[in-house]
Amino acid sequence: MENRVNEDARSNLGTTSKSRFMAWIQRWWFVPVLLVAPLELGLHISQTRPVLKPEDWTAVRSQLEAQVQPSDLVVVSPSWLEPLGRLQLGDGLMTVQRVARADESRFPVAIEVSLGSARHPALASWHLEQEQSWGALQMRRLRNPDPHPVIDDLVSHATAHQMDVSLVRGEAVQPCEWRHGQPVTGPLGFGPAQPSDRYHCRNTWVGETINADLEYKPRRCIHAPPPGGQEVLRLRWKSVRFGTHLLGHHALYVEAERDRKGPAVRIVFSSDDETLGEAIHEDGQGWSSFAFDTTSRAGKTAELQAEISSTRADRRTYCFEVTTR
C-alpha cells in the first residue's frame, strides 16, 4: 500500500513539472527569438558590407591597365574570388602566363587585387610599395625580395621550329609528326586540352597545354606522357640560352595522380651528350619543383634534351615546364 502511494506521488510530481514547463514555454516563447534576432542582424551586416560594386572593379582595371608591365604578376585574393577577378579584369591582364604560372619567383613585381585585407600566401614576404582602395577592393604593389628572372622559357619553345620530338627504343628513333588542327577538349577524365598545334606520337600527343594539378590549380606546361616499357619520349630544343640554373616543375593531371596507383615518371636533362640532372615524379607529389646547376654553361647557347620514361604508359598524363635562370 505504501509503495503504491509513493508511485502515485511521483506520478503527480512529474505531471506537475511538465505542466509548469509548458506554462513557461507559453509565457516566454518569444525570448529565444529576441536573442537570435541581433545575431542574424550582425551576420547580415557582415555579409553585405563587403559587396563588390562594378564601378570599383572598373576603377581597379583602369589603374592596372595604366601601370602594369608585361613582367609583372597580377593576382586576385582570396583564391575563391579569382574567377570573378578574371572576368572583371579581362584576359589582357589575367593572361595565361600569370594565371597558370609555374611559380612566383620569376616575377619582380606583383599587383595584388584583394577583397579587404586578404593576402596571397606566396606573396607574404614581398615588400609593400603602394596600396590603394576602391570600396571593398584593395590593390597593392609588391616587390619581390629575391627575384629569379627567366632567360629562356622552354614551354614557349614547344614549337615545330624550336623543338623536335621522337620516340626512342634503343638505337631506333621514330620522329613524331607536327600537325595543325583544331583544339580538342572532353568531359571529366579526358585530361588536359589538346592544343591546335601539337606533335603526334603514335597514340599520344606532345605540346603546350594547361594542366590541372593535384590542387586543381591551372599550370602552363608541356604535355609529354611517357610511352612506357623500354621506350622513351625524347624532346630536343635546338637553341637554348643557359644561365646558372635549370629550374622546372612537373605533375600529372589530377585525375591520374590523386589515386596514387601509377608508377613513377622519370625525366632526364642533357646537353651536348652531358647529363645535367634527372627528376622523379611520384603520384601524390602534385606540382613539385626540380633544379640543376648549369653554371659551367652560363652565357652559352646550346641544345637541350629531355627524355621522359616510365614502366607503364596507362594514365601517365605527365606535364612539365622548365626554364633557364
Protein backbone atom coordinates (compact mmCIF):
# COMPACT_ATOMS: atom_id res chain seq x y z
CA MET A 1 0.00 0.00 0.00
CA GLU A 2 2.79 2.37 0.92
CA ASN A 3 4.63 1.63 -2.34
CA ARG A 4 1.53 2.45 -4.34
CA VAL A 5 1.18 5.80 -2.56
CA ASN A 6 4.80 6.66 -3.37
CA GLU A 7 4.32 5.81 -7.04
CA ASP A 8 1.20 7.98 -7.24
CA ALA A 9 3.08 10.84 -5.62
CA ARG A 10 5.95 10.59 -8.11
CA SER A 11 3.46 10.46 -10.98
CA ASN A 12 1.68 13.56 -9.75
CA LEU A 13 5.04 15.33 -9.32
CA GLY A 14 6.04 14.52 -12.91
CA THR A 15 2.73 15.77 -14.25
CA THR A 16 3.08 18.99 -12.27
CA SER A 17 6.63 19.55 -13.58
CA LYS A 18 5.52 19.08 -17.19
CA SER A 19 2.63 21.48 -16.69
CA ARG A 20 4.93 24.12 -15.26
CA PHE A 21 7.39 23.69 -18.13
CA MET A 22 4.63 24.06 -20.74
CA ALA A 23 3.33 27.12 -18.93
CA TRP A 24 6.82 28.64 -19.02
CA ILE A 25 7.12 27.94 -22.75
CA GLN A 26 3.75 29.53 -23.46
CA ARG A 27 4.67 32.61 -21.47
CA TRP A 28 8.27 33.17 -22.58
CA TRP A 29 8.37 31.67 -26.14
CA PHE A 30 9.44 34.98 -27.66
CA VAL A 31 12.68 35.27 -25.64
CA PRO A 32 14.79 33.00 -27.94
CA VAL A 33 13.52 34.98 -30.92
CA LEU A 34 14.72 38.21 -29.31
CA LEU A 35 18.13 36.64 -28.68
CA VAL A 36 18.53 35.27 -32.22
CA ALA A 37 17.42 38.45 -33.99
CA PRO A 38 20.53 40.54 -33.09
CA LEU A 39 22.75 37.64 -34.18
CA GLU A 40 21.03 37.45 -37.57
CA LEU A 41 21.30 41.20 -37.97
CA GLY A 42 25.02 41.10 -37.22
CA LEU A 43 25.60 38.31 -39.71
CA HIS A 44 23.60 40.16 -42.35
CA ILE A 45 25.69 43.31 -41.88
CA SER A 46 28.97 41.39 -42.04
CA GLN A 47 27.90 39.60 -45.23
CA THR A 48 26.54 42.59 -47.09
CA ARG A 49 29.13 45.17 -46.09
CA PRO A 50 31.92 43.98 -48.44
CA VAL A 51 29.70 43.96 -51.54
CA LEU A 52 31.84 44.32 -54.67
CA LYS A 53 30.47 47.04 -56.90
CA PRO A 54 31.01 47.00 -60.68
CA GLU A 55 32.34 50.57 -60.61
CA ASP A 56 35.06 49.50 -58.15
CA TRP A 57 36.20 46.73 -60.49
CA THR A 58 36.19 49.23 -63.37
CA ALA A 59 38.40 51.63 -61.41
CA VAL A 60 40.84 48.87 -60.48
CA ARG A 61 41.01 47.65 -64.07
CA SER A 62 41.75 51.16 -65.38
CA GLN A 63 44.52 51.60 -62.81
CA LEU A 64 46.05 48.24 -63.68
CA GLU A 65 45.98 48.89 -67.41
CA ALA A 66 47.84 52.14 -66.81
CA GLN A 67 50.65 50.77 -64.64
CA VAL A 68 51.13 47.00 -65.11
CA GLN A 69 54.24 45.94 -67.03
CA PRO A 70 54.49 42.69 -69.05
CA SER A 71 56.90 41.27 -66.47
CA ASP A 72 54.54 41.96 -63.54
CA LEU A 73 52.37 39.36 -61.85
CA VAL A 74 48.68 40.12 -61.28
CA VAL A 75 46.83 38.07 -58.66
CA VAL A 76 43.40 38.16 -57.04
CA SER A 77 42.91 37.26 -53.36
CA PRO A 78 41.38 35.28 -51.76
CA SER A 79 41.58 32.37 -54.19
CA TRP A 80 37.79 31.89 -54.37
CA LEU A 81 37.50 35.41 -55.78
CA GLU A 82 39.85 34.70 -58.69
CA PRO A 83 37.21 33.51 -61.22
CA LEU A 84 35.28 36.76 -60.73
CA GLY A 85 38.53 38.71 -60.88
CA ARG A 86 39.47 37.14 -64.22
CA LEU A 87 36.04 38.03 -65.58
CA GLN A 88 36.17 41.63 -64.39
CA LEU A 89 39.81 42.36 -65.23
CA GLY A 90 39.85 40.63 -68.61
CA ASP A 91 42.27 38.39 -70.50
CA GLY A 92 44.61 41.28 -71.23
CA LEU A 93 45.56 41.49 -67.55
CA MET A 94 44.78 37.95 -66.40
CA THR A 95 46.92 36.26 -69.03
CA VAL A 96 47.63 32.54 -69.23
CA GLN A 97 51.24 33.20 -68.19
CA ARG A 98 50.00 34.88 -64.99
CA VAL A 99 47.01 32.74 -64.06
CA ALA A 100 48.63 29.37 -64.95
CA ARG A 101 52.12 30.32 -63.77
CA ALA A 102 54.59 27.69 -62.61
CA ASP A 103 55.75 29.78 -59.65
CA GLU A 104 56.02 33.38 -58.43
CA SER A 105 59.83 33.64 -58.25
CA ARG A 106 60.15 34.74 -61.89
CA PHE A 107 58.17 37.96 -61.33
CA PRO A 108 59.98 41.06 -59.97
CA VAL A 109 56.72 42.84 -59.09
CA ALA A 110 53.23 41.65 -58.18
CA ILE A 111 49.99 43.62 -58.21
CA GLU A 112 47.56 42.05 -55.77
CA VAL A 113 43.85 42.84 -56.01
CA SER A 114 42.09 41.66 -52.88
CA LEU A 115 38.83 41.70 -51.01
CA GLY A 116 39.70 43.77 -47.96
CA SER A 117 42.88 42.62 -46.23
CA ALA A 118 43.02 39.16 -47.85
CA ARG A 119 46.56 38.18 -48.90
CA HIS A 120 48.07 35.61 -51.23
CA PRO A 121 50.26 33.26 -49.12
CA ALA A 122 53.09 33.19 -51.68
CA LEU A 123 53.42 36.99 -51.53
CA ALA A 124 53.51 37.33 -47.74
CA SER A 125 57.24 38.19 -47.65
CA TRP A 126 57.17 40.61 -50.60
CA HIS A 127 57.77 44.29 -49.84
CA LEU A 128 54.75 46.61 -49.99
CA GLU A 129 55.44 49.64 -52.20
CA GLN A 130 51.96 51.08 -52.72
CA GLU A 131 48.39 50.46 -51.59
CA GLN A 132 45.08 51.87 -52.85
CA SER A 133 41.41 51.14 -52.16
CA TRP A 134 38.18 51.30 -54.12
CA GLY A 135 35.23 50.32 -51.96
CA ALA A 136 35.82 46.79 -50.66
CA LEU A 137 38.68 46.23 -53.13
CA GLN A 138 42.31 46.89 -52.27
CA MET A 139 45.21 46.98 -54.70
CA ARG A 140 48.81 46.51 -53.57
CA ARG A 141 52.04 46.85 -55.46
CA LEU A 142 54.55 44.35 -54.05
CA ARG A 143 58.28 43.96 -54.76
CA ASN A 144 59.88 40.51 -54.89
CA PRO A 145 62.81 40.49 -52.39
CA ASP A 146 64.60 37.70 -54.29
CA PRO A 147 63.54 37.50 -57.95
CA HIS A 148 64.87 34.83 -60.32
CA PRO A 149 64.22 36.18 -63.82
CA VAL A 150 63.73 33.76 -66.69
CA ILE A 151 66.28 33.68 -69.51
CA ASP A 152 64.53 31.09 -71.70
CA ASP A 153 61.09 29.59 -71.15
CA LEU A 154 61.12 26.18 -72.82
CA VAL A 155 57.31 25.91 -72.81
CA SER A 156 57.26 28.87 -75.20
CA HIS A 157 59.76 26.98 -77.38
CA ALA A 158 57.49 23.93 -77.78
CA THR A 159 57.00 24.61 -81.49
CA ALA A 160 57.95 22.84 -84.71
CA HIS A 161 60.70 25.39 -85.41
CA GLN A 162 62.33 25.20 -81.99
CA MET A 163 61.75 21.66 -80.71
CA ASP A 164 61.93 18.11 -82.10
CA VAL A 165 60.03 15.19 -80.56
CA SER A 166 60.64 11.47 -81.08
CA LEU A 167 60.03 8.03 -79.60
CA VAL A 168 63.24 6.13 -78.83
CA ARG A 169 63.77 2.42 -78.20
CA GLY A 170 67.45 1.52 -78.01
CA GLU A 171 69.03 2.76 -81.24
CA ALA A 172 65.69 3.04 -83.06
CA VAL A 173 64.34 6.59 -83.29
CA GLN A 174 60.82 7.32 -84.55
CA PRO A 175 60.21 11.05 -85.16
CA CYS A 176 56.82 12.43 -84.14
CA GLU A 177 54.80 14.44 -86.65
CA TRP A 178 53.91 18.10 -86.11
CA ARG A 179 50.27 18.75 -87.00
CA HIS A 180 47.97 21.73 -87.15
CA GLY A 181 44.30 21.13 -86.40
CA GLN A 182 41.52 22.04 -84.02
CA PRO A 183 41.92 22.15 -80.24
CA VAL A 184 40.29 19.16 -78.54
CA THR A 185 38.68 19.01 -75.11
CA GLY A 186 36.46 16.47 -73.39
CA PRO A 187 34.47 15.61 -70.26
CA LEU A 188 35.81 14.90 -66.78
CA GLY A 189 38.66 12.43 -67.04
CA PHE A 190 39.59 13.45 -70.58
CA GLY A 191 42.81 15.03 -69.38
CA PRO A 192 44.34 18.37 -70.38
CA ALA A 193 43.07 20.06 -73.53
CA GLN A 194 44.91 19.31 -76.75
CA PRO A 195 46.16 22.49 -78.47
CA SER A 196 45.58 23.09 -82.15
CA ASP A 197 49.34 22.84 -82.85
CA ARG A 198 50.93 19.72 -81.39
CA TYR A 199 53.18 16.75 -82.06
CA HIS A 200 51.53 13.38 -82.70
CA CYS A 201 53.48 10.39 -81.40
CA ARG A 202 51.66 7.20 -82.37
CA ASN A 203 48.71 7.12 -79.94
CA THR A 204 49.50 10.23 -77.90
CA TRP A 205 50.46 13.87 -78.34
CA VAL A 206 53.02 16.40 -77.10
CA GLY A 207 52.56 20.16 -76.82
CA GLU A 208 51.84 23.19 -74.69
CA THR A 209 48.69 22.94 -72.58
CA ILE A 210 47.09 23.93 -69.28
CA ASN A 211 47.18 21.11 -66.76
CA ALA A 212 45.07 20.87 -63.59
CA ASP A 213 47.41 19.86 -60.77
CA LEU A 214 46.56 17.94 -57.60
CA GLU A 215 45.07 21.10 -56.04
CA TYR A 216 43.10 21.83 -59.24
CA LYS A 217 45.30 24.85 -59.95
CA PRO A 218 45.97 25.59 -63.63
CA ARG A 219 49.58 25.07 -64.73
CA ARG A 220 51.01 26.02 -68.11
CA CYS A 221 53.29 23.18 -69.16
CA ILE A 222 54.30 20.72 -71.89
CA HIS A 223 52.14 17.60 -72.05
CA ALA A 224 54.68 14.80 -72.52
CA PRO A 225 53.34 11.38 -71.47
CA PRO A 226 55.93 8.58 -71.31
CA PRO A 227 55.34 5.71 -73.79
CA GLY A 228 56.05 3.07 -71.13
CA GLY A 229 58.20 -0.05 -71.07
CA GLN A 230 61.64 0.25 -72.67
CA GLU A 231 60.61 3.18 -74.86
CA VAL A 232 61.50 6.81 -74.12
CA LEU A 233 59.90 10.08 -75.21
CA ARG A 234 62.64 12.49 -76.30
CA LEU A 235 62.24 16.27 -76.62
CA ARG A 236 65.12 18.28 -78.08
CA TRP A 237 65.28 22.07 -78.13
CA LYS A 238 67.62 23.28 -80.82
CA SER A 239 68.86 26.53 -79.28
CA VAL A 240 68.64 27.38 -75.58
CA ARG A 241 70.30 30.26 -73.74
CA PHE A 242 71.74 28.92 -70.49
CA GLY A 243 72.08 30.62 -67.13
CA THR A 244 73.40 29.32 -63.84
CA HIS A 245 70.41 27.04 -63.21
CA LEU A 246 67.84 24.90 -64.96
CA LEU A 247 64.63 25.24 -62.94
CA GLY A 248 61.41 23.34 -63.57
CA HIS A 249 58.20 21.86 -62.21
CA HIS A 250 56.21 18.76 -63.07
CA ALA A 251 52.98 16.92 -62.25
CA LEU A 252 50.35 14.60 -63.65
CA TYR A 253 46.79 15.52 -64.49
CA VAL A 254 44.81 15.48 -61.24
CA GLU A 255 42.53 12.59 -62.28
CA ALA A 256 45.57 10.37 -62.91
CA GLU A 257 47.63 11.42 -59.89
CA ARG A 258 45.20 11.52 -56.98
CA ASP A 259 44.60 7.74 -56.85
CA ARG A 260 48.35 7.14 -56.30
CA LYS A 261 48.30 3.87 -58.23
CA GLY A 262 50.67 4.63 -61.12
CA PRO A 263 54.42 4.12 -61.47
CA ALA A 264 56.89 6.99 -61.16
CA VAL A 265 57.78 9.16 -64.14
CA ARG A 266 61.44 9.98 -64.77
CA ILE A 267 62.79 12.96 -66.71
CA VAL A 268 66.48 13.32 -67.60
CA PHE A 269 68.01 16.52 -69.00
CA SER A 270 71.19 16.62 -71.05
CA SER A 271 73.09 18.94 -73.37
CA ASP A 272 75.82 18.01 -75.84
CA ASP A 273 75.80 14.41 -74.50
CA GLU A 274 76.37 15.60 -70.92
CA THR A 275 73.72 14.78 -68.32
CA LEU A 276 72.61 17.86 -66.40
CA GLY A 277 70.30 16.12 -63.95
CA GLU A 278 67.23 13.96 -63.52
CA ALA A 279 63.98 14.25 -61.57
CA ILE A 280 61.45 11.66 -60.46
CA HIS A 281 57.74 12.37 -60.03
CA GLU A 282 55.69 10.10 -57.78
CA ASP A 283 51.91 10.09 -57.65
CA GLY A 284 50.67 12.33 -54.86
CA GLN A 285 53.52 14.86 -55.04
CA GLY A 286 51.43 17.33 -57.01
CA TRP A 287 53.08 20.31 -58.70
CA SER A 288 56.67 19.85 -57.49
CA SER A 289 59.92 21.58 -58.43
CA PHE A 290 63.38 20.48 -59.52
CA ALA A 291 66.60 22.39 -60.17
CA PHE A 292 70.02 21.64 -61.69
CA ASP A 293 73.23 23.65 -61.60
CA THR A 294 74.35 24.81 -65.06
CA THR A 295 77.00 27.32 -64.01
CA SER A 296 79.52 25.82 -66.44
CA ARG A 297 77.17 26.67 -69.33
CA ALA A 298 76.08 30.13 -68.16
CA GLY A 299 76.03 32.64 -71.00
CA LYS A 300 76.24 29.94 -73.68
CA THR A 301 73.66 28.85 -76.26
CA ALA A 302 73.32 25.13 -76.95
CA GLU A 303 70.78 22.37 -77.48
CA LEU A 304 68.84 20.89 -74.56
CA GLN A 305 67.35 17.42 -74.46
CA ALA A 306 64.76 15.87 -72.14
CA GLU A 307 63.91 12.17 -72.01
CA ILE A 308 60.74 11.04 -70.24
CA SER A 309 60.13 7.42 -69.25
CA SER A 310 58.02 5.20 -67.01
CA THR A 311 57.46 1.47 -66.65
CA ARG A 312 53.86 1.88 -67.79
CA ALA A 313 52.05 4.33 -70.08
CA ASP A 314 48.49 3.96 -68.75
CA ARG A 315 47.20 7.19 -67.16
CA ARG A 316 50.66 8.77 -67.15
CA THR A 317 49.42 12.22 -68.27
CA TYR A 318 52.73 13.84 -67.37
CA CYS A 319 53.23 17.59 -67.83
CA PHE A 320 56.32 19.66 -67.08
CA GLU A 321 57.79 23.12 -67.51
CA VAL A 322 61.42 24.16 -67.46
CA THR A 323 63.26 27.48 -67.63
CA THR A 324 66.83 28.68 -67.65
CA ARG A 325 67.61 31.21 -64.94
